[in-house]
Amino acid sequence: MQYGAEANKTLEEMSGIARDDELGQIQADFESVEKQLHEQRIKL
């Protein structure tokens, strides 16, 4: 069962993992926006 290890984690650990995932997604979104801005500047 692939989720067995995660089932044993405490709520605090799971919250930390969720926060890390969310921060990773925010960072990826930010980098994507930065890239789009850079491409627009080149066009101008």
N, C-alpha and C. Protein backbone atom coordinates (compact mmCIF):
# COMPACT_ATOMS: atom_id res chain seq x y z
N MET A 1 0.86 -1.20 0.00
CA MET A 1 0.00 0.00 0.00
C MET A 1 0.89 1.24 0.00
N GLN A 2 0.75 2.04 -0.99
CA GLN A 2 1.70 3.14 -1.19
C GLN A 2 1.52 4.28 -0.19
N TYR A 3 0.37 4.41 0.44
CA TYR A 3 0.15 5.52 1.37
C TYR A 3 0.38 5.12 2.83
N GLY A 4 0.85 3.91 3.06
CA GLY A 4 1.04 3.42 4.42
C GLY A 4 1.95 4.31 5.25
N ALA A 5 3.08 4.72 4.69
CA ALA A 5 4.03 5.55 5.42
C ALA A 5 3.43 6.90 5.76
N GLU A 6 2.67 7.45 4.83
CA GLU A 6 2.06 8.77 5.07
C GLU A 6 0.97 8.68 6.13
N ALA A 7 0.31 7.55 6.23
CA ALA A 7 -0.75 7.39 7.23
C ALA A 7 -0.17 7.47 8.64
N ASN A 8 1.10 7.13 8.79
CA ASN A 8 1.74 7.14 10.10
C ASN A 8 2.27 8.51 10.50
N LYS A 9 2.26 9.45 9.61
CA LYS A 9 2.77 10.79 9.92
C LYS A 9 1.79 11.53 10.84
N THR A 10 2.34 12.40 11.65
CA THR A 10 1.48 13.19 12.52
C THR A 10 0.82 14.30 11.70
N LEU A 11 -0.21 14.87 12.25
CA LEU A 11 -0.91 15.98 11.59
C LEU A 11 0.06 17.12 11.32
N GLU A 12 0.96 17.37 12.28
CA GLU A 12 1.93 18.45 12.13
C GLU A 12 2.85 18.19 10.94
N GLU A 13 3.31 16.95 10.80
CA GLU A 13 4.16 16.61 9.66
C GLU A 13 3.41 16.78 8.34
N MET A 14 2.15 16.35 8.33
CA MET A 14 1.35 16.47 7.10
C MET A 14 1.13 17.94 6.75
N SER A 15 0.91 18.77 7.78
CA SER A 15 0.74 20.20 7.54
C SER A 15 2.01 20.80 6.95
N GLY A 16 3.15 20.37 7.46
CA GLY A 16 4.44 20.83 6.94
C GLY A 16 4.62 20.43 5.49
N ILE A 17 4.24 19.20 5.16
CA ILE A 17 4.35 18.72 3.78
C ILE A 17 3.42 19.53 2.87
N ALA A 18 2.19 19.77 3.33
CA ALA A 18 1.24 20.54 2.53
C ALA A 18 1.75 21.96 2.31
N ARG A 19 2.33 22.56 3.35
CA ARG A 19 2.89 23.91 3.23
C ARG A 19 4.03 23.93 2.22
N ASP A 20 4.91 22.92 2.30
CA ASP A 20 6.04 22.85 1.37
C ASP A 20 5.54 22.70 -0.07
N ASP A 21 4.52 21.87 -0.27
CA ASP A 21 3.95 21.68 -1.60
C ASP A 21 3.37 22.99 -2.11
N GLU A 22 2.67 23.70 -1.23
CA GLU A 22 2.05 24.97 -1.61
C GLU A 22 3.11 26.01 -1.95
N LEU A 23 4.15 26.08 -1.13
CA LEU A 23 5.24 27.02 -1.41
C LEU A 23 5.93 26.69 -2.72
N GLY A 24 6.11 25.41 -2.99
CA GLY A 24 6.72 24.99 -4.25
C GLY A 24 5.88 25.42 -5.43
N GLN A 25 4.55 25.29 -5.29
CA GLN A 25 3.64 25.69 -6.38
C GLN A 25 3.67 27.20 -6.57
N ILE A 26 3.67 27.95 -5.47
CA ILE A 26 3.73 29.42 -5.56
C ILE A 26 5.02 29.84 -6.25
N GLN A 27 6.13 29.20 -5.88
CA GLN A 27 7.42 29.53 -6.49
C GLN A 27 7.40 29.22 -7.98
N ALA A 28 6.82 28.08 -8.37
CA ALA A 28 6.74 27.71 -9.78
C ALA A 28 5.88 28.72 -10.54
N ASP A 29 4.76 29.14 -9.95
CA ASP A 29 3.89 30.14 -10.58
C ASP A 29 4.64 31.46 -10.75
N PHE A 30 5.37 31.86 -9.72
CA PHE A 30 6.12 33.11 -9.75
C PHE A 30 7.17 33.09 -10.85
N GLU A 31 7.89 31.95 -10.95
CA GLU A 31 8.91 31.82 -12.00
C GLU A 31 8.28 31.88 -13.38
N SER A 32 7.10 31.30 -13.53
CA SER A 32 6.40 31.32 -14.81
C SER A 32 6.01 32.75 -15.18
N VAL A 33 5.51 33.50 -14.21
CA VAL A 33 5.14 34.90 -14.45
C VAL A 33 6.38 35.72 -14.80
N GLU A 34 7.48 35.51 -14.07
CA GLU A 34 8.72 36.22 -14.37
C GLU A 34 9.18 35.95 -15.80
N LYS A 35 9.06 34.71 -16.22
CA LYS A 35 9.48 34.33 -17.58
C LYS A 35 8.60 35.04 -18.61
N GLN A 36 7.29 35.08 -18.35
CA GLN A 36 6.37 35.76 -19.28
C GLN A 36 6.69 37.25 -19.36
N LEU A 37 6.97 37.88 -18.21
CA LEU A 37 7.32 39.30 -18.21
C LEU A 37 8.59 39.54 -19.02
N HIS A 38 9.57 38.66 -18.84
CA HIS A 38 10.83 38.80 -19.57
C HIS A 38 10.58 38.70 -21.08
N GLU A 39 9.74 37.74 -21.49
CA GLU A 39 9.43 37.58 -22.91
C GLU A 39 8.71 38.81 -23.46
N GLN A 40 7.83 39.41 -22.66
CA GLN A 40 7.12 40.61 -23.10
C GLN A 40 8.09 41.79 -23.25
N ARG A 41 9.05 41.91 -22.33
CA ARG A 41 10.04 42.98 -22.43
C ARG A 41 10.85 42.85 -23.71
N ILE A 42 11.19 41.63 -24.08
CA ILE A 42 11.96 41.41 -25.30
C ILE A 42 11.16 41.88 -26.51
N LYS A 43 9.86 41.61 -26.51
CA LYS A 43 9.00 42.02 -27.63
C LYS A 43 8.91 43.54 -27.73
N LEU A 44 8.93 44.21 -26.60
CA LEU A 44 8.85 45.67 -26.59
C LEU A 44 10.18 46.24 -27.03
